[in-house]
Amino acid sequence: MESWKLIKDFPLYQVSNYGRIRSFWTGEWVILNGSLANNGYVQQTLKHIKSTVKHVHRLVLEAFVGLRPDGLQCNHKDGNKTNNVLSNLEWVTQSENAIHSYANGLQSKVMGEQHSQAKWKDGEIWLLKKMLFFNTNKHVISKTFKMSIRNINKIAHGDRWSHIVYEPN
């Protein structure tokens, strides 16, 4: 059964456990049609003093479960960003959300030169790691690969390109 709750800070709006929003602006309750944001989530513009755009999934959780605890984010259990039914939503950590996303094929872990933003080839990173192994000066490596020392340090510590391994014979 659908139930409605007022949206905090927006007294003329309600959200339902089915993920629907309604407004009382006209003197009667009217169901609103949200819009799809560029990131795939359903959003709704709410007005009170000024207009604010809110994600519907967050409105549902905050109304029926409580305000977002620090460090948590909303997860759609079925992976469908447009399914804002309360039973499909939960507060989780960023790590839990990422694990859920990869486990359900919602994201793929594209690494190395296959990544759309890769600036270097796998072979170049292998050579860079070989140079690090032989204690080549990082300023020399930086000039050779046109790469910041910061990025070189991230590679050296395994924070980036960790799938490329240099193993001496």
C-alpha atoms as a PDB file:
ATOM      1  CA  MET A   1       0.000   0.000   0.000  1.00  0.00           C
ATOM      2  CA  GLU A   2       1.345   3.429  -0.940  1.00  0.00           C
ATOM      3  CA  SER A   3       2.010   5.820   1.920  1.00  0.00           C
ATOM      4  CA  TRP A   4       3.072   9.467   1.778  1.00  0.00           C
ATOM      5  CA  LYS A   5       5.328  11.626   3.967  1.00  0.00           C
ATOM      6  CA  LEU A   6       6.149  15.316   3.879  1.00  0.00           C
ATOM      7  CA  ILE A   7       9.526  16.201   2.422  1.00  0.00           C
ATOM      8  CA  LYS A   8      11.727  17.932   4.993  1.00  0.00           C
ATOM      9  CA  ASP A   9      12.101  21.674   4.284  1.00  0.00           C
ATOM     10  CA  PHE A  10       9.486  21.515   1.485  1.00  0.00           C
ATOM     11  CA  PRO A  11       6.034  21.746   3.133  1.00  0.00           C
ATOM     12  CA  LEU A  12       4.072  21.644  -0.142  1.00  0.00           C
ATOM     13  CA  TYR A  13       5.598  18.334  -1.275  1.00  0.00           C
ATOM     14  CA  GLN A  14       5.267  14.706  -0.277  1.00  0.00           C
ATOM     15  CA  VAL A  15       7.181  11.583  -1.253  1.00  0.00           C
ATOM     16  CA  SER A  16       5.753   8.067  -1.293  1.00  0.00           C
ATOM     17  CA  ASN A  17       7.274   4.705  -0.443  1.00  0.00           C
ATOM     18  CA  TYR A  18       6.748   3.920  -4.167  1.00  0.00           C
ATOM     19  CA  GLY A  19       9.190   6.678  -5.113  1.00  0.00           C
ATOM     20  CA  ARG A  20       6.599   9.162  -6.341  1.00  0.00           C
ATOM     21  CA  ILE A  21       6.501  12.895  -5.569  1.00  0.00           C
ATOM     22  CA  ARG A  22       3.381  15.010  -5.296  1.00  0.00           C
ATOM     23  CA  SER A  23       2.803  18.731  -4.832  1.00  0.00           C
ATOM     24  CA  PHE A  24       0.059  20.820  -3.222  1.00  0.00           C
ATOM     25  CA  TRP A  25       0.983  24.042  -5.085  1.00  0.00           C
ATOM     26  CA  THR A  26      -2.380  24.243  -6.867  1.00  0.00           C
ATOM     27  CA  GLY A  27      -4.472  23.602  -3.754  1.00  0.00           C
ATOM     28  CA  GLU A  28      -4.835  19.886  -4.510  1.00  0.00           C
ATOM     29  CA  TRP A  29      -2.325  17.049  -4.571  1.00  0.00           C
ATOM     30  CA  VAL A  30      -0.811  16.539  -8.032  1.00  0.00           C
ATOM     31  CA  ILE A  31       1.640  13.747  -8.887  1.00  0.00           C
ATOM     32  CA  LEU A  32       4.776  15.184 -10.477  1.00  0.00           C
ATOM     33  CA  ASN A  33       6.858  13.704 -13.248  1.00  0.00           C
ATOM     34  CA  GLY A  34      10.526  13.781 -12.355  1.00  0.00           C
ATOM     35  CA  SER A  35      13.236  14.049 -14.938  1.00  0.00           C
ATOM     36  CA  LEU A  36      16.208  11.838 -15.695  1.00  0.00           C
ATOM     37  CA  ALA A  37      19.529  13.414 -14.728  1.00  0.00           C
ATOM     38  CA  ASN A  38      22.660  12.887 -16.836  1.00  0.00           C
ATOM     39  CA  ASN A  39      23.885  10.337 -14.290  1.00  0.00           C
ATOM     40  CA  GLY A  40      20.765   8.173 -14.800  1.00  0.00           C
ATOM     41  CA  TYR A  41      19.006   8.979 -11.515  1.00  0.00           C
ATOM     42  CA  VAL A  42      15.484  10.398 -11.308  1.00  0.00           C
ATOM     43  CA  GLN A  43      15.438  13.960 -10.015  1.00  0.00           C
ATOM     44  CA  GLN A  44      12.724  16.411  -9.050  1.00  0.00           C
ATOM     45  CA  THR A  45      12.739  20.201  -8.779  1.00  0.00           C
ATOM     46  CA  LEU A  46      11.197  21.367  -5.499  1.00  0.00           C
ATOM     47  CA  LYS A  47      10.314  24.980  -4.695  1.00  0.00           C
ATOM     48  CA  HIS A  48      10.323  26.676  -1.307  1.00  0.00           C
ATOM     49  CA  ILE A  49      11.862  30.128  -1.159  1.00  0.00           C
ATOM     50  CA  LYS A  50      14.102  28.983  -4.018  1.00  0.00           C
ATOM     51  CA  SER A  51      14.131  26.038  -6.441  1.00  0.00           C
ATOM     52  CA  THR A  52      16.216  23.003  -5.568  1.00  0.00           C
ATOM     53  CA  VAL A  53      16.825  19.831  -7.560  1.00  0.00           C
ATOM     54  CA  LYS A  54      16.804  16.644  -5.468  1.00  0.00           C
ATOM     55  CA  HIS A  55      17.381  12.986  -6.301  1.00  0.00           C
ATOM     56  CA  VAL A  56      14.187  11.035  -5.650  1.00  0.00           C
ATOM     57  CA  HIS A  57      15.946   7.987  -4.162  1.00  0.00           C
ATOM     58  CA  ARG A  58      17.442  10.149  -1.435  1.00  0.00           C
ATOM     59  CA  LEU A  59      14.094  11.825  -0.698  1.00  0.00           C
ATOM     60  CA  VAL A  60      12.499   8.382  -0.246  1.00  0.00           C
ATOM     61  CA  LEU A  61      15.174   7.127   2.132  1.00  0.00           C
ATOM     62  CA  GLU A  62      15.295  10.330   4.163  1.00  0.00           C
ATOM     63  CA  ALA A  63      11.509  10.417   4.584  1.00  0.00           C
ATOM     64  CA  PHE A  64      11.005   6.746   5.473  1.00  0.00           C
ATOM     65  CA  VAL A  65      14.332   5.656   7.028  1.00  0.00           C
ATOM     66  CA  GLY A  66      15.897   8.878   8.296  1.00  0.00           C
ATOM     67  CA  LEU A  67      18.476  11.451   7.299  1.00  0.00           C
ATOM     68  CA  ARG A  68      21.566  10.149   5.553  1.00  0.00           C
ATOM     69  CA  PRO A  69      24.106   9.066   8.168  1.00  0.00           C
ATOM     70  CA  ASP A  70      27.579  10.574   7.709  1.00  0.00           C
ATOM     71  CA  GLY A  71      29.673   8.594   5.249  1.00  0.00           C
ATOM     72  CA  LEU A  72      26.783   6.631   3.758  1.00  0.00           C
ATOM     73  CA  GLN A  73      25.157   6.803   0.343  1.00  0.00           C
ATOM     74  CA  CYS A  74      22.074   5.363  -1.293  1.00  0.00           C
ATOM     75  CA  ASN A  75      22.215   1.971  -3.005  1.00  0.00           C
ATOM     76  CA  HIS A  76      19.593   0.614  -5.410  1.00  0.00           C
ATOM     77  CA  LYS A  77      19.512  -3.083  -4.513  1.00  0.00           C
ATOM     78  CA  ASP A  78      18.399  -4.173  -8.007  1.00  0.00           C
ATOM     79  CA  GLY A  79      20.925  -1.867  -9.730  1.00  0.00           C
ATOM     80  CA  ASN A  80      18.151   0.072 -11.498  1.00  0.00           C
ATOM     81  CA  LYS A  81      18.733   3.784 -10.841  1.00  0.00           C
ATOM     82  CA  THR A  82      15.121   4.595 -11.728  1.00  0.00           C
ATOM     83  CA  ASN A  83      13.541   2.097  -9.299  1.00  0.00           C
ATOM     84  CA  ASN A  84      12.981   4.313  -6.271  1.00  0.00           C
ATOM     85  CA  VAL A  85      10.628   2.020  -4.331  1.00  0.00           C
ATOM     86  CA  LEU A  86      11.582   2.054  -0.650  1.00  0.00           C
ATOM     87  CA  SER A  87      12.153  -1.724  -0.494  1.00  0.00           C
ATOM     88  CA  ASN A  88      14.802  -1.331  -3.249  1.00  0.00           C
ATOM     89  CA  LEU A  89      16.813   1.336  -1.409  1.00  0.00           C
ATOM     90  CA  GLU A  90      19.308   1.225   1.446  1.00  0.00           C
ATOM     91  CA  TRP A  91      22.057   3.335   3.040  1.00  0.00           C
ATOM     92  CA  VAL A  92      25.502   1.790   2.477  1.00  0.00           C
ATOM     93  CA  THR A  93      29.132   2.834   2.628  1.00  0.00           C
ATOM     94  CA  GLN A  94      30.894   3.943  -0.545  1.00  0.00           C
ATOM     95  CA  SER A  95      32.887   0.706  -0.455  1.00  0.00           C
ATOM     96  CA  GLU A  96      29.747  -1.448  -0.149  1.00  0.00           C
ATOM     97  CA  ASN A  97      28.151   0.480  -3.021  1.00  0.00           C
ATOM     98  CA  ALA A  98      31.201  -0.066  -5.242  1.00  0.00           C
ATOM     99  CA  ILE A  99      31.363  -3.793  -4.406  1.00  0.00           C
ATOM    100  CA  HIS A 100      27.640  -4.133  -5.181  1.00  0.00           C
ATOM    101  CA  SER A 101      28.108  -2.277  -8.461  1.00  0.00           C
ATOM    102  CA  TYR A 102      30.985  -4.474  -9.691  1.00  0.00           C
ATOM    103  CA  ALA A 103      29.396  -7.697  -8.396  1.00  0.00           C
ATOM    104  CA  ASN A 104      26.215  -6.998 -10.364  1.00  0.00           C
ATOM    105  CA  GLY A 105      27.967  -5.933 -13.572  1.00  0.00           C
ATOM    106  CA  LEU A 106      26.838  -2.318 -13.261  1.00  0.00           C
ATOM    107  CA  GLN A 107      30.451  -1.206 -13.676  1.00  0.00           C
ATOM    108  CA  SER A 108      33.381  -2.947 -15.218  1.00  0.00           C
ATOM    109  CA  LYS A 109      36.888  -2.424 -14.011  1.00  0.00           C
ATOM    110  CA  VAL A 110      38.632  -1.310 -17.174  1.00  0.00           C
ATOM    111  CA  MET A 111      42.302  -0.904 -16.413  1.00  0.00           C
ATOM    112  CA  GLY A 112      45.470   0.285 -18.037  1.00  0.00           C
ATOM    113  CA  GLU A 113      45.626   1.411 -21.635  1.00  0.00           C
ATOM    114  CA  GLN A 114      42.082   0.066 -22.185  1.00  0.00           C
ATOM    115  CA  HIS A 115      40.720   2.795 -19.900  1.00  0.00           C
ATOM    116  CA  SER A 116      39.233   5.701 -21.839  1.00  0.00           C
ATOM    117  CA  GLN A 117      41.365   8.240 -19.979  1.00  0.00           C
ATOM    118  CA  ALA A 118      44.675   6.377 -20.127  1.00  0.00           C
ATOM    119  CA  LYS A 119      47.582   8.559 -21.224  1.00  0.00           C
ATOM    120  CA  TRP A 120      50.225   5.827 -21.280  1.00  0.00           C
ATOM    121  CA  LYS A 121      50.463   2.321 -22.705  1.00  0.00           C
ATOM    122  CA  ASP A 122      50.897  -0.742 -20.498  1.00  0.00           C
ATOM    123  CA  GLY A 123      54.414  -1.234 -21.887  1.00  0.00           C
ATOM    124  CA  GLU A 124      55.423   2.303 -20.913  1.00  0.00           C
ATOM    125  CA  ILE A 125      54.274   1.714 -17.340  1.00  0.00           C
ATOM    126  CA  TRP A 126      56.176  -1.587 -17.275  1.00  0.00           C
ATOM    127  CA  LEU A 127      59.326   0.300 -18.370  1.00  0.00           C
ATOM    128  CA  LEU A 128      58.648   3.019 -15.768  1.00  0.00           C
ATOM    129  CA  LYS A 129      58.378   0.342 -13.064  1.00  0.00           C
ATOM    130  CA  LYS A 130      61.640  -1.193 -14.296  1.00  0.00           C
ATOM    131  CA  MET A 131      63.298   2.223 -14.001  1.00  0.00           C
ATOM    132  CA  LEU A 132      61.921   2.567 -10.459  1.00  0.00           C
ATOM    133  CA  PHE A 133      63.271  -0.890  -9.597  1.00  0.00           C
ATOM    134  CA  PHE A 134      66.749   0.221 -10.685  1.00  0.00           C
ATOM    135  CA  ASN A 135      66.418   3.461  -8.644  1.00  0.00           C
ATOM    136  CA  THR A 136      66.352   5.794 -11.623  1.00  0.00           C
ATOM    137  CA  ASN A 137      65.878   9.391 -10.482  1.00  0.00           C
ATOM    138  CA  LYS A 138      62.159  10.262 -10.472  1.00  0.00           C
ATOM    139  CA  HIS A 139      62.876  13.582 -12.196  1.00  0.00           C
ATOM    140  CA  VAL A 140      64.399  11.656 -15.103  1.00  0.00           C
ATOM    141  CA  ILE A 141      61.355   9.364 -15.199  1.00  0.00           C
ATOM    142  CA  SER A 142      59.084  12.415 -15.054  1.00  0.00           C
ATOM    143  CA  LYS A 143      60.760  13.991 -18.105  1.00  0.00           C
ATOM    144  CA  THR A 144      60.923  10.699 -19.990  1.00  0.00           C
ATOM    145  CA  PHE A 145      57.194   9.950 -19.644  1.00  0.00           C
ATOM    146  CA  LYS A 146      55.928  13.544 -19.275  1.00  0.00           C
ATOM    147  CA  MET A 147      54.377  12.529 -15.964  1.00  0.00           C
ATOM    148  CA  SER A 148      54.197  14.274 -12.590  1.00  0.00           C
ATOM    149  CA  ILE A 149      56.291  13.071  -9.669  1.00  0.00           C
ATOM    150  CA  ARG A 150      53.020  12.686  -7.751  1.00  0.00           C
ATOM    151  CA  ASN A 151      51.682  10.266 -10.369  1.00  0.00           C
ATOM    152  CA  ILE A 152      54.984   8.359 -10.389  1.00  0.00           C
ATOM    153  CA  ASN A 153      54.750   8.002  -6.597  1.00  0.00           C
ATOM    154  CA  LYS A 154      51.175   6.685  -6.902  1.00  0.00           C
ATOM    155  CA  ILE A 155      52.372   4.084  -9.414  1.00  0.00           C
ATOM    156  CA  ALA A 156      55.345   3.188  -7.196  1.00  0.00           C
ATOM    157  CA  HIS A 157      53.038   2.628  -4.202  1.00  0.00           C
ATOM    158  CA  GLY A 158      50.542   0.545  -6.207  1.00  0.00           C
ATOM    159  CA  ASP A 159      47.730   3.125  -6.136  1.00  0.00           C
ATOM    160  CA  ARG A 160      47.704   3.288  -9.944  1.00  0.00           C
ATOM    161  CA  TRP A 161      48.532   0.745 -12.661  1.00  0.00           C
ATOM    162  CA  SER A 162      48.810  -2.001 -10.003  1.00  0.00           C
ATOM    163  CA  HIS A 163      48.020  -4.663 -12.605  1.00  0.00           C
ATOM    164  CA  ILE A 164      51.364  -3.988 -14.341  1.00  0.00           C
ATOM    165  CA  VAL A 165      54.207  -5.788 -12.569  1.00  0.00           C
ATOM    166  CA  TYR A 166      57.934  -5.593 -13.275  1.00  0.00           C
ATOM    167  CA  GLU A 167      59.723  -8.734 -12.162  1.00  0.00           C
ATOM    168  CA  PRO A 168      63.477  -8.923 -12.825  1.00  0.00           C
ATOM    169  CA  ASN A 169      64.781 -12.225 -14.195  1.00  0.00           C
END
